[in-house]
Amino acid sequence: MLKIFKVALLSAVVVAGLSANDNLLSKVTNGVVADNATGVKMLSDGEMNQVLGGYYFERKPQFDHRGYMPSVAYKVYEDSGDPKLSVTNGDFVVAKVRIGTNGRKQYYLQLYRGDNQPAGAYAGVGASKILDDMKKMGL
């Protein structure tokens, strides 16, 4: 008898949860904030992943490393609110990600000259934020 009561109670809770109002935000704010309010845009999952307010990354396969431990490269662009990259004379920063020997992603930054030749590792202004933004984007 107790098992039947537990099953019935669990079923009632599940049904109540499934029939709950989907627009909780609208209900809590008495309709002031709603998904369909003027000026509100519902973002897709892809758009949500792009909203970081951080650095921009553009895929640049010509900078990929294709040898041992291959990497995938992204050119880094500044957002107006981010610290300015400490590069000069047409140099630019390329963010790279590879799968390490331990099976985990490894992120690193390289500085390239204006003639697309590598100039070494980049550890200047904004380096840690660039790496954080890469991880948030799941690159």
N, C-alpha and C. Protein backbone atom coordinates (compact mmCIF):
# COMPACT_ATOMS: atom_id res chain seq x y z
N MET A 1 0.83 -1.20 0.00
CA MET A 1 0.00 0.00 0.00
C MET A 1 0.87 1.26 0.00
N LEU A 2 1.95 1.22 0.79
CA LEU A 2 2.86 2.36 0.87
C LEU A 2 3.56 2.59 -0.47
N LYS A 3 3.91 1.50 -1.16
CA LYS A 3 4.56 1.63 -2.47
C LYS A 3 3.63 2.30 -3.47
N ILE A 4 2.36 1.92 -3.44
CA ILE A 4 1.38 2.51 -4.36
C ILE A 4 1.25 4.00 -4.08
N PHE A 5 1.20 4.38 -2.81
CA PHE A 5 1.10 5.79 -2.43
C PHE A 5 2.33 6.57 -2.92
N LYS A 6 3.53 6.00 -2.76
CA LYS A 6 4.76 6.67 -3.21
C LYS A 6 4.76 6.85 -4.73
N VAL A 7 4.34 5.82 -5.45
CA VAL A 7 4.29 5.91 -6.91
C VAL A 7 3.28 6.98 -7.34
N ALA A 8 2.11 7.00 -6.70
CA ALA A 8 1.09 7.99 -7.04
C ALA A 8 1.58 9.41 -6.73
N LEU A 9 2.24 9.59 -5.61
CA LEU A 9 2.76 10.90 -5.23
C LEU A 9 3.85 11.35 -6.21
N LEU A 10 4.74 10.45 -6.54
CA LEU A 10 5.80 10.76 -7.50
C LEU A 10 5.21 11.12 -8.86
N SER A 11 4.21 10.39 -9.29
CA SER A 11 3.55 10.68 -10.57
C SER A 11 2.90 12.05 -10.56
N ALA A 12 2.25 12.39 -9.46
CA ALA A 12 1.60 13.70 -9.36
C ALA A 12 2.62 14.83 -9.41
N VAL A 13 3.75 14.65 -8.74
CA VAL A 13 4.80 15.67 -8.75
C VAL A 13 5.38 15.84 -10.15
N VAL A 14 5.61 14.74 -10.84
CA VAL A 14 6.16 14.80 -12.20
C VAL A 14 5.17 15.49 -13.13
N VAL A 15 3.90 15.14 -13.06
CA VAL A 15 2.89 15.75 -13.93
C VAL A 15 2.77 17.24 -13.63
N ALA A 16 2.80 17.62 -12.36
CA ALA A 16 2.72 19.04 -12.00
C ALA A 16 3.93 19.80 -12.53
N GLY A 17 5.09 19.18 -12.45
CA GLY A 17 6.30 19.83 -12.97
C GLY A 17 6.27 20.00 -14.47
N LEU A 18 5.72 19.01 -15.17
CA LEU A 18 5.65 19.09 -16.63
C LEU A 18 4.64 20.11 -17.10
N SER A 19 3.59 20.33 -16.34
CA SER A 19 2.57 21.28 -16.76
C SER A 19 2.81 22.68 -16.20
N ALA A 20 3.96 22.91 -15.58
CA ALA A 20 4.27 24.23 -15.03
C ALA A 20 4.39 25.25 -16.16
N ASN A 21 4.15 26.50 -15.82
CA ASN A 21 4.22 27.58 -16.81
C ASN A 21 5.65 27.73 -17.32
N ASP A 22 5.82 27.70 -18.65
CA ASP A 22 7.15 27.82 -19.25
C ASP A 22 7.74 29.21 -19.10
N ASN A 23 6.90 30.23 -19.08
CA ASN A 23 7.41 31.60 -19.04
C ASN A 23 7.44 32.12 -17.60
N LEU A 24 8.32 31.55 -16.81
CA LEU A 24 8.43 31.91 -15.40
C LEU A 24 8.85 33.36 -15.21
N LEU A 25 9.75 33.85 -16.04
CA LEU A 25 10.23 35.23 -15.93
C LEU A 25 9.08 36.21 -16.10
N SER A 26 8.20 35.97 -17.04
CA SER A 26 7.05 36.84 -17.26
C SER A 26 6.10 36.80 -16.07
N LYS A 27 5.91 35.62 -15.51
CA LYS A 27 5.00 35.46 -14.39
C LYS A 27 5.52 36.18 -13.14
N VAL A 28 6.82 36.05 -12.88
CA VAL A 28 7.41 36.65 -11.69
C VAL A 28 7.40 38.17 -11.77
N THR A 29 7.61 38.73 -12.97
CA THR A 29 7.67 40.19 -13.12
C THR A 29 6.34 40.78 -13.57
N ASN A 30 5.25 40.03 -13.46
CA ASN A 30 3.92 40.47 -13.87
C ASN A 30 3.89 40.96 -15.31
N GLY A 31 4.61 40.29 -16.19
CA GLY A 31 4.59 40.62 -17.61
C GLY A 31 5.52 41.73 -18.04
N VAL A 32 6.23 42.37 -17.09
CA VAL A 32 7.14 43.45 -17.45
C VAL A 32 8.28 42.92 -18.31
N VAL A 33 8.83 41.78 -17.93
CA VAL A 33 9.90 41.16 -18.70
C VAL A 33 9.37 39.84 -19.25
N ALA A 34 9.39 39.73 -20.56
CA ALA A 34 8.92 38.50 -21.20
C ALA A 34 9.74 38.23 -22.44
N ASP A 35 9.72 36.99 -22.88
CA ASP A 35 10.48 36.61 -24.08
C ASP A 35 10.00 37.36 -25.32
N ASN A 36 8.72 37.70 -25.35
CA ASN A 36 8.17 38.35 -26.54
C ASN A 36 8.03 39.85 -26.37
N ALA A 37 8.69 40.45 -25.37
CA ALA A 37 8.64 41.89 -25.16
C ALA A 37 9.39 42.61 -26.28
N THR A 38 9.04 43.87 -26.52
CA THR A 38 9.68 44.66 -27.56
C THR A 38 11.17 44.79 -27.27
N GLY A 39 11.99 44.52 -28.27
CA GLY A 39 13.44 44.67 -28.12
C GLY A 39 14.14 43.45 -27.55
N VAL A 40 13.39 42.41 -27.24
CA VAL A 40 13.99 41.19 -26.69
C VAL A 40 14.12 40.17 -27.81
N LYS A 41 15.31 39.62 -27.99
CA LYS A 41 15.54 38.62 -29.03
C LYS A 41 15.96 37.33 -28.36
N MET A 42 15.31 36.26 -28.72
CA MET A 42 15.70 34.94 -28.23
C MET A 42 16.92 34.49 -29.03
N LEU A 43 18.00 34.16 -28.34
CA LEU A 43 19.22 33.72 -29.01
C LEU A 43 19.24 32.21 -29.15
N SER A 44 19.76 31.77 -30.27
CA SER A 44 19.94 30.33 -30.47
C SER A 44 21.15 29.88 -29.64
N ASP A 45 21.34 28.58 -29.54
CA ASP A 45 22.50 28.06 -28.79
C ASP A 45 23.80 28.56 -29.39
N GLY A 46 23.87 28.60 -30.71
CA GLY A 46 25.08 29.09 -31.38
C GLY A 46 25.36 30.54 -31.06
N GLU A 47 24.29 31.36 -31.04
CA GLU A 47 24.45 32.78 -30.72
C GLU A 47 24.84 32.96 -29.26
N MET A 48 24.29 32.14 -28.38
CA MET A 48 24.64 32.25 -26.95
C MET A 48 26.12 31.96 -26.72
N ASN A 49 26.66 30.99 -27.44
CA ASN A 49 28.08 30.67 -27.30
C ASN A 49 28.97 31.80 -27.77
N GLN A 50 28.46 32.64 -28.65
CA GLN A 50 29.26 33.74 -29.19
C GLN A 50 29.25 34.95 -28.26
N VAL A 51 28.30 35.05 -27.34
CA VAL A 51 28.18 36.22 -26.49
C VAL A 51 29.13 36.09 -25.30
N LEU A 52 30.23 36.78 -25.38
CA LEU A 52 31.21 36.75 -24.30
C LEU A 52 31.64 38.15 -23.90
N GLY A 53 31.56 39.07 -24.81
CA GLY A 53 32.06 40.41 -24.53
C GLY A 53 33.57 40.42 -24.46
N GLY A 54 34.20 39.46 -25.04
CA GLY A 54 35.65 39.36 -24.97
C GLY A 54 36.29 39.46 -26.33
N TYR A 55 37.41 38.83 -26.48
CA TYR A 55 38.13 38.85 -27.74
C TYR A 55 37.39 38.04 -28.79
N TYR A 56 37.60 38.39 -30.05
CA TYR A 56 37.01 37.66 -31.17
C TYR A 56 38.05 36.71 -31.75
N PHE A 57 37.59 35.56 -32.23
CA PHE A 57 38.49 34.57 -32.80
C PHE A 57 38.03 34.23 -34.21
N GLU A 58 38.95 34.30 -35.16
CA GLU A 58 38.65 33.93 -36.54
C GLU A 58 39.53 32.74 -36.92
N ARG A 59 38.90 31.70 -37.40
CA ARG A 59 39.63 30.48 -37.77
C ARG A 59 40.60 30.77 -38.90
N LYS A 60 41.88 30.41 -38.70
CA LYS A 60 42.94 30.63 -39.69
C LYS A 60 43.73 29.33 -39.87
N PRO A 61 43.28 28.44 -40.76
CA PRO A 61 43.94 27.14 -40.93
C PRO A 61 45.38 27.24 -41.42
N GLN A 62 45.77 28.35 -42.04
CA GLN A 62 47.15 28.46 -42.52
C GLN A 62 48.16 28.53 -41.37
N PHE A 63 47.70 28.77 -40.15
CA PHE A 63 48.59 28.81 -38.99
C PHE A 63 48.51 27.54 -38.14
N ASP A 64 47.74 26.55 -38.59
CA ASP A 64 47.66 25.28 -37.87
C ASP A 64 49.03 24.60 -37.85
N HIS A 65 49.29 23.88 -36.77
CA HIS A 65 50.50 23.06 -36.71
C HIS A 65 50.09 21.65 -37.12
N ARG A 66 50.80 21.07 -38.07
CA ARG A 66 50.40 19.77 -38.62
C ARG A 66 51.37 18.64 -38.27
N GLY A 67 52.33 18.91 -37.42
CA GLY A 67 53.30 17.88 -37.04
C GLY A 67 52.83 17.09 -35.84
N TYR A 68 53.78 16.73 -34.99
CA TYR A 68 53.47 16.03 -33.75
C TYR A 68 52.60 16.95 -32.90
N MET A 69 51.54 16.45 -32.33
CA MET A 69 50.56 17.21 -31.55
C MET A 69 50.01 18.38 -32.38
N PRO A 70 49.24 18.08 -33.42
CA PRO A 70 48.70 19.14 -34.28
C PRO A 70 47.81 20.11 -33.50
N SER A 71 47.78 21.35 -33.94
CA SER A 71 46.97 22.37 -33.29
C SER A 71 46.08 23.07 -34.31
N VAL A 72 45.04 23.70 -33.81
CA VAL A 72 44.09 24.47 -34.61
C VAL A 72 44.28 25.93 -34.23
N ALA A 73 44.35 26.83 -35.23
CA ALA A 73 44.70 28.23 -34.99
C ALA A 73 43.53 29.18 -35.23
N TYR A 74 43.49 30.24 -34.41
CA TYR A 74 42.49 31.30 -34.52
C TYR A 74 43.20 32.64 -34.36
N LYS A 75 42.97 33.55 -35.30
CA LYS A 75 43.53 34.90 -35.16
C LYS A 75 42.69 35.65 -34.13
N VAL A 76 43.36 36.42 -33.26
CA VAL A 76 42.70 37.12 -32.17
C VAL A 76 42.45 38.57 -32.56
N TYR A 77 41.21 39.02 -32.36
CA TYR A 77 40.84 40.41 -32.58
C TYR A 77 40.37 41.00 -31.26
N GLU A 78 40.64 42.28 -31.06
CA GLU A 78 40.25 42.95 -29.82
C GLU A 78 38.82 43.44 -29.90
N ASP A 79 38.15 43.39 -28.75
CA ASP A 79 36.87 44.05 -28.58
C ASP A 79 37.18 45.42 -28.01
N SER A 80 36.30 46.38 -28.20
CA SER A 80 36.59 47.75 -27.75
C SER A 80 36.79 47.83 -26.23
N GLY A 81 36.20 46.91 -25.47
CA GLY A 81 36.33 46.95 -24.02
C GLY A 81 37.50 46.16 -23.47
N ASP A 82 38.21 45.45 -24.33
CA ASP A 82 39.31 44.60 -23.88
C ASP A 82 40.62 45.35 -23.90
N PRO A 83 41.59 44.90 -23.10
CA PRO A 83 42.91 45.53 -23.13
C PRO A 83 43.51 45.40 -24.52
N LYS A 84 44.19 46.45 -24.95
CA LYS A 84 44.84 46.43 -26.26
C LYS A 84 46.01 45.46 -26.24
N LEU A 85 46.11 44.65 -27.26
CA LEU A 85 47.21 43.70 -27.36
C LEU A 85 48.51 44.46 -27.54
N SER A 86 49.55 43.99 -26.89
CA SER A 86 50.84 44.68 -26.97
C SER A 86 51.64 44.19 -28.17
N VAL A 87 51.14 44.54 -29.36
CA VAL A 87 51.81 44.17 -30.61
C VAL A 87 52.03 45.44 -31.43
N THR A 88 53.04 45.42 -32.29
CA THR A 88 53.35 46.60 -33.11
C THR A 88 53.65 46.18 -34.55
N ASN A 89 53.71 47.17 -35.41
CA ASN A 89 54.17 47.00 -36.79
C ASN A 89 53.44 45.91 -37.57
N GLY A 90 52.14 45.80 -37.41
CA GLY A 90 51.39 44.80 -38.16
C GLY A 90 51.46 43.40 -37.59
N ASP A 91 52.15 43.23 -36.45
CA ASP A 91 52.19 41.92 -35.81
C ASP A 91 50.79 41.57 -35.30
N PHE A 92 50.53 40.30 -35.10
CA PHE A 92 49.23 39.87 -34.59
C PHE A 92 49.39 38.61 -33.75
N VAL A 93 48.35 38.33 -32.97
CA VAL A 93 48.36 37.19 -32.05
C VAL A 93 47.47 36.09 -32.63
N VAL A 94 47.98 34.87 -32.57
CA VAL A 94 47.22 33.69 -32.99
C VAL A 94 47.06 32.78 -31.78
N ALA A 95 45.81 32.46 -31.47
CA ALA A 95 45.51 31.55 -30.36
C ALA A 95 45.40 30.14 -30.93
N LYS A 96 46.01 29.20 -30.23
CA LYS A 96 46.00 27.82 -30.72
C LYS A 96 45.53 26.87 -29.63
N VAL A 97 44.92 25.79 -30.07
CA VAL A 97 44.47 24.74 -29.15
C VAL A 97 44.89 23.40 -29.74
N ARG A 98 45.36 22.53 -28.86
CA ARG A 98 45.77 21.18 -29.27
C ARG A 98 45.38 20.21 -28.18
N ILE A 99 45.36 18.94 -28.52
CA ILE A 99 45.12 17.90 -27.54
C ILE A 99 46.48 17.42 -27.07
N GLY A 100 46.73 17.57 -25.77
CA GLY A 100 48.03 17.20 -25.20
C GLY A 100 48.18 15.69 -25.06
N THR A 101 49.34 15.30 -24.59
CA THR A 101 49.62 13.87 -24.41
C THR A 101 48.74 13.25 -23.33
N ASN A 102 48.20 14.09 -22.43
CA ASN A 102 47.31 13.59 -21.39
C ASN A 102 45.85 13.53 -21.84
N GLY A 103 45.59 13.89 -23.12
CA GLY A 103 44.24 13.83 -23.65
C GLY A 103 43.41 15.07 -23.38
N ARG A 104 43.97 16.07 -22.73
CA ARG A 104 43.25 17.31 -22.43
C ARG A 104 43.65 18.41 -23.41
N LYS A 105 42.73 19.37 -23.59
CA LYS A 105 43.03 20.50 -24.46
C LYS A 105 44.09 21.39 -23.82
N GLN A 106 45.00 21.86 -24.65
CA GLN A 106 46.02 22.82 -24.21
C GLN A 106 45.87 24.06 -25.07
N TYR A 107 45.83 25.21 -24.42
CA TYR A 107 45.67 26.48 -25.11
C TYR A 107 46.97 27.27 -25.00
N TYR A 108 47.36 27.91 -26.10
CA TYR A 108 48.56 28.74 -26.06
C TYR A 108 48.47 29.82 -27.13
N LEU A 109 49.30 30.85 -26.98
CA LEU A 109 49.27 32.00 -27.88
C LEU A 109 50.62 32.17 -28.55
N GLN A 110 50.58 32.52 -29.83
CA GLN A 110 51.81 32.80 -30.56
C GLN A 110 51.70 34.16 -31.23
N LEU A 111 52.83 34.85 -31.28
CA LEU A 111 52.92 36.14 -31.95
C LEU A 111 53.43 35.90 -33.36
N TYR A 112 52.79 36.52 -34.33
CA TYR A 112 53.22 36.42 -35.73
C TYR A 112 53.56 37.81 -36.25
N ARG A 113 54.57 37.88 -37.10
CA ARG A 113 54.94 39.14 -37.75
C ARG A 113 53.96 39.42 -38.88
N GLY A 114 54.00 40.63 -39.38
CA GLY A 114 53.12 41.03 -40.48
C GLY A 114 53.28 40.18 -41.72
N ASP A 115 54.45 39.54 -41.88
CA ASP A 115 54.68 38.68 -43.05
C ASP A 115 54.27 37.22 -42.79
N ASN A 116 53.45 37.02 -41.75
CA ASN A 116 52.91 35.70 -41.38
C ASN A 116 53.95 34.71 -40.88
N GLN A 117 55.09 35.19 -40.43
CA GLN A 117 56.12 34.32 -39.87
C GLN A 117 56.02 34.34 -38.35
N PRO A 118 56.15 33.19 -37.68
CA PRO A 118 56.07 33.16 -36.22
C PRO A 118 57.22 33.93 -35.58
N ALA A 119 56.89 34.63 -34.48
CA ALA A 119 57.89 35.42 -33.77
C ALA A 119 58.02 34.98 -32.32
N GLY A 120 57.41 33.86 -31.94
CA GLY A 120 57.52 33.35 -30.58
C GLY A 120 56.20 33.34 -29.85
N ALA A 121 56.27 33.00 -28.58
CA ALA A 121 55.08 32.93 -27.73
C ALA A 121 54.62 34.33 -27.37
N TYR A 122 53.31 34.49 -27.18
CA TYR A 122 52.76 35.78 -26.75
C TYR A 122 52.33 35.65 -25.30
N ALA A 123 52.88 36.53 -24.45
CA ALA A 123 52.50 36.56 -23.04
C ALA A 123 52.26 38.00 -22.61
N GLY A 124 51.86 38.84 -23.55
CA GLY A 124 51.68 40.26 -23.28
C GLY A 124 50.32 40.57 -22.68
N VAL A 125 49.93 41.83 -22.84
CA VAL A 125 48.67 42.34 -22.28
C VAL A 125 47.50 41.50 -22.80
N GLY A 126 46.63 41.10 -21.90
CA GLY A 126 45.42 40.36 -22.26
C GLY A 126 45.60 38.88 -22.49
N ALA A 127 46.80 38.35 -22.33
CA ALA A 127 47.05 36.93 -22.65
C ALA A 127 46.14 36.00 -21.84
N SER A 128 46.03 36.22 -20.55
CA SER A 128 45.21 35.30 -19.74
C SER A 128 43.73 35.43 -20.08
N LYS A 129 43.26 36.64 -20.39
CA LYS A 129 41.86 36.81 -20.76
C LYS A 129 41.56 36.15 -22.11
N ILE A 130 42.51 36.23 -23.04
CA ILE A 130 42.32 35.57 -24.33
C ILE A 130 42.16 34.06 -24.12
N LEU A 131 43.02 33.49 -23.31
CA LEU A 131 42.95 32.05 -23.05
C LEU A 131 41.64 31.69 -22.36
N ASP A 132 41.20 32.52 -21.40
CA ASP A 132 39.92 32.27 -20.73
C ASP A 132 38.76 32.32 -21.72
N ASP A 133 38.77 33.33 -22.61
CA ASP A 133 37.69 33.45 -23.59
C ASP A 133 37.67 32.25 -24.53
N MET A 134 38.84 31.75 -24.90
CA MET A 134 38.89 30.55 -25.75
C MET A 134 38.23 29.37 -25.06
N LYS A 135 38.53 29.19 -23.79
CA LYS A 135 37.96 28.07 -23.04
C LYS A 135 36.45 28.21 -22.92
N LYS A 136 35.97 29.44 -22.68
CA LYS A 136 34.53 29.67 -22.55
C LYS A 136 33.80 29.35 -23.85
N MET A 137 34.45 29.64 -24.97
CA MET A 137 33.83 29.37 -26.27
C MET A 137 33.89 27.90 -26.64
N GLY A 138 34.68 27.14 -25.91
CA GLY A 138 34.81 25.72 -26.19
C GLY A 138 35.61 25.43 -27.44
N LEU A 139 36.51 26.34 -27.77
CA LEU A 139 37.35 26.14 -28.96
C LEU A 139 38.31 25.00 -28.73
